[in-house]
Amino acid sequence: MSFANMIAPPLALLGIPSLFRRMMFKCSITILVYHDPAAESFERHVKWLIEHYSVVSIDLMYEALKKDDISSLGKFPLLITVDDGRKGNYQLLPVIKKYSIRPCFYLCSSVVGTRRRLWDDCIVGNAPHELKKMKAMSEFERREYLSTHFGMAYEDEGKVRSMLSADEIHDMLPYVDFASHGCFHLPFSSLTDEELHQEVVNSKLEIDAITGMPCKHFSYPTGMYDSRCESALKGAGYVSVRTTDYGRNISASDIYYLHAVGVSDDASLDKLEVQSSGLYSFLRERVLAW
């Protein structure tokens, strides 16, 4: 049993996550990050979340932050985000409709609408110990390593589709905001200036083309970025950027450096309460690090 699964029930029973949320996340926006939750788990989560938070859209959040006033978002505002654009995300649509929420899906624009796979999914499935090393490589080295050791390229098409199709994205457009997660899910801190420029510009253009709507928001693939990224993203026309860095977002937060709270796709409700409150990330990063 994982540490999070072990501590969640007693913490929830004692009301500690609720107390932590009221102390640490009062007057702030929580951004949750999912990847590929099953529809059943997602519905349980959403039902619980709307009872304990004011679930908002990314555009409402952006407008409030731009005005430096989040009071209009309700008590404990929360944005649900889903990274990558996996095929299973389409199964969430009935839940989204049923509970009248509007999540933001960050898409890997050169992988959705194809039978390509995320390169790091292939590594995790075959050689997870290689992943950290490969994220630190230059883009040229990473492509060479993928080809030599795994016989693959980013552009390879498989027999089975693992990402959202263009038709599925179109079906979801009235209910979901689609944003950019780069083209190929690359670690931005490893890219050259030109590669970085191509990723942020091409991804925006590709999502504009798929959705027929302007792509305004961005989240860092793999969570990796450096000091060059903000300028590149502003230049490409994005108006907000979400990181995977733990934390809350207050009225004065930098819209190009939004914090987030990770949630396990299959979390129990006790675990969801602990994770969504920010308590688990706080314990992991501040206390357990000691």
Protein backbone atom coordinates (compact mmCIF):
# COMPACT_ATOMS: atom_id res chain seq x y z
CA MET A 1 0.00 0.00 0.00
CA SER A 2 1.34 3.44 -0.94
CA PHE A 3 2.02 6.07 1.71
CA ALA A 4 -0.82 8.25 0.35
CA ASN A 5 -3.33 5.39 0.51
CA MET A 6 -2.20 4.54 4.03
CA ILE A 7 -2.48 8.02 5.54
CA ALA A 8 -5.60 9.23 3.70
CA PRO A 9 -8.36 7.50 5.75
CA PRO A 10 -7.17 8.57 9.23
CA LEU A 11 -6.40 12.11 8.07
CA ALA A 12 -9.83 12.46 6.44
CA LEU A 13 -11.56 10.98 9.49
CA LEU A 14 -9.89 13.55 11.73
CA GLY A 15 -10.88 16.41 9.42
CA ILE A 16 -7.27 17.49 8.91
CA PRO A 17 -7.47 18.02 5.11
CA SER A 18 -10.46 20.33 5.54
CA LEU A 19 -8.65 22.30 8.24
CA PHE A 20 -5.49 22.51 6.10
CA ARG A 21 -7.50 23.74 3.11
CA ARG A 22 -9.17 26.44 5.17
CA MET A 23 -5.85 27.58 6.62
CA MET A 24 -3.59 27.34 3.57
CA PHE A 25 -5.88 27.57 0.55
CA LYS A 26 -8.36 30.17 1.79
CA CYS A 27 -8.91 32.94 -0.76
CA SER A 28 -7.05 31.00 -3.44
CA ILE A 29 -7.70 28.91 -6.54
CA THR A 30 -6.84 25.22 -6.59
CA ILE A 31 -5.93 23.68 -9.96
CA LEU A 32 -6.22 19.89 -10.02
CA VAL A 33 -4.24 17.82 -12.53
CA TYR A 34 -5.57 14.52 -13.88
CA HIS A 35 -4.27 12.39 -16.74
CA ASP A 36 -6.47 9.43 -17.64
CA PRO A 37 -9.14 8.77 -15.00
CA ALA A 38 -11.82 6.13 -15.61
CA ALA A 39 -15.31 7.60 -15.98
CA GLU A 40 -16.55 5.88 -12.80
CA SER A 41 -13.73 7.28 -10.67
CA PHE A 42 -14.04 10.69 -12.27
CA GLU A 43 -17.77 10.84 -11.50
CA ARG A 44 -17.17 9.98 -7.85
CA HIS A 45 -14.53 12.68 -7.70
CA VAL A 46 -16.63 15.34 -9.43
CA LYS A 47 -19.64 14.64 -7.23
CA TRP A 48 -17.47 15.12 -4.14
CA LEU A 49 -15.63 18.16 -5.51
CA ILE A 50 -18.76 20.15 -6.36
CA GLU A 51 -19.96 19.64 -2.79
CA HIS A 52 -16.74 21.06 -1.31
CA TYR A 53 -15.44 23.53 -3.91
CA SER A 54 -16.71 26.06 -6.43
CA VAL A 55 -15.70 24.38 -9.69
CA VAL A 56 -14.87 27.01 -12.33
CA SER A 57 -13.68 27.14 -15.94
CA ILE A 58 -10.22 28.25 -17.03
CA ASP A 59 -11.59 31.37 -18.71
CA LEU A 60 -13.44 32.44 -15.55
CA MET A 61 -10.26 31.84 -13.57
CA TYR A 62 -8.17 33.79 -16.06
CA GLU A 63 -10.52 36.79 -16.06
CA ALA A 64 -10.56 36.87 -12.25
CA LEU A 65 -6.77 36.70 -12.03
CA LYS A 66 -6.40 39.36 -14.70
CA LYS A 67 -8.57 41.66 -12.59
CA ASP A 68 -6.54 40.76 -9.49
CA ASP A 69 -9.78 39.74 -7.76
CA ILE A 70 -10.92 36.12 -7.34
CA SER A 71 -13.78 36.91 -4.96
CA SER A 72 -16.31 36.48 -7.79
CA LEU A 73 -15.37 32.79 -8.19
CA GLY A 74 -17.11 31.64 -5.02
CA LYS A 75 -15.83 29.80 -1.97
CA PHE A 76 -12.76 27.62 -2.56
CA PRO A 77 -12.66 27.96 -6.36
CA LEU A 78 -11.20 24.95 -8.17
CA LEU A 79 -10.30 24.24 -11.79
CA ILE A 80 -10.17 20.67 -13.11
CA THR A 81 -7.49 20.06 -15.73
CA VAL A 82 -6.57 16.92 -17.67
CA ASP A 83 -3.17 16.58 -19.32
CA ASP A 84 -2.06 14.91 -22.58
CA GLY A 85 -5.31 14.18 -24.46
CA ARG A 86 -5.65 10.42 -24.06
CA LYS A 87 -8.41 8.42 -25.75
CA GLY A 88 -10.04 7.51 -22.44
CA ASN A 89 -10.74 11.19 -21.76
CA TYR A 90 -13.67 11.01 -24.19
CA GLN A 91 -15.47 8.70 -21.75
CA LEU A 92 -15.57 11.59 -19.27
CA LEU A 93 -17.97 13.59 -21.44
CA PRO A 94 -21.22 12.19 -19.92
CA VAL A 95 -19.93 13.08 -16.45
CA ILE A 96 -18.97 16.57 -17.59
CA LYS A 97 -22.45 17.09 -19.03
CA LYS A 98 -24.25 15.59 -16.03
CA TYR A 99 -22.57 17.85 -13.49
CA SER A 100 -22.33 20.95 -15.72
CA ILE A 101 -18.62 21.44 -15.15
CA ARG A 102 -16.16 22.81 -17.71
CA PRO A 103 -12.69 21.29 -17.34
CA CYS A 104 -9.62 22.22 -19.36
CA PHE A 105 -7.91 19.50 -21.41
CA TYR A 106 -4.29 20.23 -22.34
CA LEU A 107 -3.53 18.43 -25.63
CA CYS A 108 -0.27 17.17 -27.13
CA SER A 109 -1.20 18.64 -30.48
CA SER A 110 0.94 16.50 -32.80
CA VAL A 111 -0.18 13.26 -31.12
CA VAL A 112 -3.95 13.71 -30.75
CA GLY A 113 -5.91 12.95 -33.89
CA THR A 114 -3.36 10.28 -34.88
CA ARG A 115 -2.33 6.75 -33.91
CA ARG A 116 0.94 8.04 -32.50
CA ARG A 117 1.93 7.40 -28.89
CA LEU A 118 3.57 9.72 -26.42
CA TRP A 119 7.26 8.89 -26.55
CA ASP A 120 7.58 8.69 -22.76
CA ASP A 121 4.64 6.27 -22.53
CA CYS A 122 6.67 3.89 -24.69
CA ILE A 123 9.65 4.24 -22.37
CA VAL A 124 7.62 3.78 -19.19
CA GLY A 125 6.16 0.60 -20.62
CA ASN A 126 9.50 -0.86 -21.66
CA ALA A 127 12.32 0.73 -19.68
CA PRO A 128 11.07 3.10 -16.95
CA HIS A 129 14.58 3.43 -15.50
CA GLU A 130 15.63 5.18 -18.74
CA LEU A 131 13.06 7.97 -18.55
CA LYS A 132 14.86 10.40 -16.23
CA LYS A 133 18.05 10.11 -18.27
CA MET A 134 16.20 10.69 -21.54
CA LYS A 135 14.40 13.78 -20.28
CA ALA A 136 17.77 15.37 -19.58
CA MET A 137 19.09 14.68 -23.10
CA SER A 138 19.13 17.24 -25.87
CA GLU A 139 16.36 16.82 -28.43
CA PHE A 140 18.82 15.46 -31.01
CA GLU A 141 20.20 12.93 -28.51
CA ARG A 142 16.72 11.88 -27.42
CA ARG A 143 15.56 11.21 -30.97
CA GLU A 144 18.73 9.24 -31.69
CA TYR A 145 18.39 7.24 -28.48
CA LEU A 146 14.74 6.43 -29.19
CA SER A 147 15.63 5.22 -32.65
CA THR A 148 18.69 3.20 -31.64
CA HIS A 149 17.41 1.60 -28.42
CA PHE A 150 13.65 1.43 -28.96
CA GLY A 151 13.27 1.50 -32.74
CA MET A 152 10.79 4.35 -32.66
CA ALA A 153 10.28 7.96 -33.65
CA TYR A 154 7.75 10.52 -32.41
CA GLU A 155 5.94 10.38 -35.74
CA ASP A 156 5.48 6.58 -35.82
CA GLU A 157 1.86 5.40 -36.09
CA GLY A 158 0.70 2.27 -34.27
CA LYS A 159 -2.16 -0.11 -34.92
CA VAL A 160 -4.13 0.99 -31.87
CA ARG A 161 -5.13 4.60 -31.18
CA SER A 162 -4.25 5.80 -27.69
CA MET A 163 -5.11 9.50 -27.98
CA LEU A 164 -8.26 11.54 -28.61
CA SER A 165 -9.42 11.70 -32.22
CA ALA A 166 -10.36 14.94 -33.97
CA ASP A 167 -14.01 13.84 -34.02
CA GLU A 168 -13.98 13.21 -30.27
CA ILE A 169 -12.46 16.62 -29.65
CA HIS A 170 -15.17 18.22 -31.79
CA ASP A 171 -17.87 16.40 -29.79
CA MET A 172 -16.43 17.79 -26.56
CA LEU A 173 -15.97 21.38 -27.74
CA PRO A 174 -19.24 22.71 -26.25
CA TYR A 175 -18.30 21.35 -22.82
CA VAL A 176 -14.49 21.40 -22.55
CA ASP A 177 -11.80 24.05 -23.03
CA PHE A 178 -8.88 22.72 -25.06
CA ALA A 179 -5.40 24.10 -24.50
CA SER A 180 -1.81 23.27 -25.42
CA HIS A 181 0.52 20.75 -23.83
CA GLY A 182 3.14 21.17 -26.54
CA CYS A 183 3.40 19.10 -29.71
CA PHE A 184 5.17 15.92 -28.64
CA HIS A 185 5.26 16.06 -24.80
CA LEU A 186 8.89 17.16 -24.68
CA PRO A 187 10.80 18.47 -21.64
CA PHE A 188 11.11 22.14 -22.53
CA SER A 189 14.24 22.77 -20.49
CA SER A 190 16.13 20.38 -22.81
CA LEU A 191 15.20 22.20 -26.04
CA THR A 192 17.19 24.74 -28.03
CA ASP A 193 15.67 28.18 -28.52
CA GLU A 194 14.51 27.23 -32.01
CA GLU A 195 13.02 23.92 -30.87
CA LEU A 196 11.21 25.70 -28.04
CA HIS A 197 9.82 28.27 -30.47
CA GLN A 198 8.58 25.56 -32.82
CA GLU A 199 6.89 23.63 -30.01
CA VAL A 200 4.91 26.56 -28.63
CA VAL A 201 3.99 28.10 -31.99
CA ASN A 202 3.18 24.89 -33.87
CA SER A 203 1.15 23.48 -31.00
CA LYS A 204 -1.01 26.59 -30.88
CA LEU A 205 -1.55 26.52 -34.64
CA GLU A 206 -2.41 22.81 -34.60
CA ILE A 207 -4.96 23.16 -31.80
CA ASP A 208 -6.45 26.23 -33.49
CA ALA A 209 -6.90 24.08 -36.61
CA ILE A 210 -8.38 21.08 -34.77
CA THR A 211 -10.88 23.06 -32.70
CA GLY A 212 -11.55 26.02 -34.98
CA MET A 213 -11.03 28.23 -31.94
CA PRO A 214 -8.02 30.19 -30.66
CA CYS A 215 -5.82 28.24 -28.25
CA LYS A 216 -5.07 30.58 -25.35
CA HIS A 217 -3.76 28.47 -22.48
CA PHE A 218 -0.74 26.22 -21.96
CA SER A 219 0.69 23.69 -19.51
CA TYR A 220 4.27 22.44 -19.46
CA PRO A 221 4.71 18.87 -20.74
CA THR A 222 6.65 16.72 -18.24
CA GLY A 223 6.49 19.74 -15.91
CA MET A 224 9.97 20.83 -17.03
CA TYR A 225 10.72 24.42 -18.03
CA ASP A 226 13.32 27.16 -17.62
CA SER A 227 13.67 30.94 -17.70
CA ARG A 228 13.31 31.17 -21.50
CA CYS A 229 9.86 29.64 -21.62
CA GLU A 230 7.69 32.49 -20.39
CA SER A 231 8.93 34.85 -23.09
CA ALA A 232 8.45 32.23 -25.80
CA LEU A 233 4.90 31.49 -24.65
CA LYS A 234 3.94 35.15 -24.40
CA GLY A 235 5.35 35.71 -27.88
CA ALA A 236 3.25 32.85 -29.24
CA GLY A 237 0.08 34.44 -27.87
CA TYR A 238 -0.76 32.32 -24.82
CA VAL A 239 -2.45 34.17 -21.96
CA SER A 240 -1.90 31.67 -19.11
CA VAL A 241 0.58 28.92 -18.27
CA ARG A 242 0.05 26.13 -15.74
CA THR A 243 2.99 24.35 -14.16
CA THR A 244 3.00 21.14 -12.13
CA ASP A 245 4.66 22.98 -9.25
CA TYR A 246 2.68 22.47 -6.04
CA GLY A 247 0.87 25.44 -4.60
CA ARG A 248 -2.14 27.71 -4.54
CA ASN A 249 -3.04 30.63 -6.80
CA ILE A 250 -4.07 33.91 -5.20
CA SER A 251 -5.35 37.13 -6.75
CA ALA A 252 -1.81 38.43 -7.20
CA SER A 253 -0.46 35.20 -8.74
CA ASP A 254 1.54 35.36 -11.97
CA ILE A 255 -0.78 34.11 -14.75
CA TYR A 256 2.28 32.68 -16.52
CA TYR A 257 3.26 30.65 -13.46
CA LEU A 258 0.15 28.94 -12.15
CA HIS A 259 0.60 26.33 -9.44
CA ALA A 260 -1.24 23.02 -9.33
CA VAL A 261 -2.12 20.04 -7.16
CA GLY A 262 -1.72 16.54 -8.56
CA VAL A 263 -4.51 14.00 -8.04
CA SER A 264 -4.32 10.25 -8.56
CA ASP A 265 -6.69 9.23 -11.36
CA ASP A 266 -8.03 6.32 -9.29
CA ALA A 267 -7.95 7.97 -5.86
CA SER A 268 -10.45 6.93 -3.20
CA LEU A 269 -12.57 9.77 -1.85
CA ASP A 270 -10.42 9.92 1.29
CA LYS A 271 -7.31 10.18 -0.86
CA LEU A 272 -8.98 12.77 -3.10
CA GLU A 273 -9.79 14.87 -0.04
CA VAL A 274 -6.19 14.71 1.15
CA GLN A 275 -4.71 15.40 -2.29
CA SER A 276 -7.12 18.14 -3.38
CA SER A 277 -6.61 20.01 -0.11
CA GLY A 278 -2.91 20.27 -0.96
CA LEU A 279 -2.01 18.46 2.25
CA TYR A 280 -0.42 15.43 0.63
CA SER A 281 1.82 17.50 -1.65
CA PHE A 282 2.73 19.67 1.32
CA LEU A 283 3.71 16.64 3.40
CA ARG A 284 5.63 15.06 0.54
CA GLU A 285 7.59 18.18 -0.36
CA ARG A 286 8.07 19.82 3.04
CA VAL A 287 7.90 17.17 5.74
CA LEU A 288 8.90 13.88 4.14
CA ALA A 289 11.87 15.58 2.48
CA TRP A 290 13.38 16.01 5.93
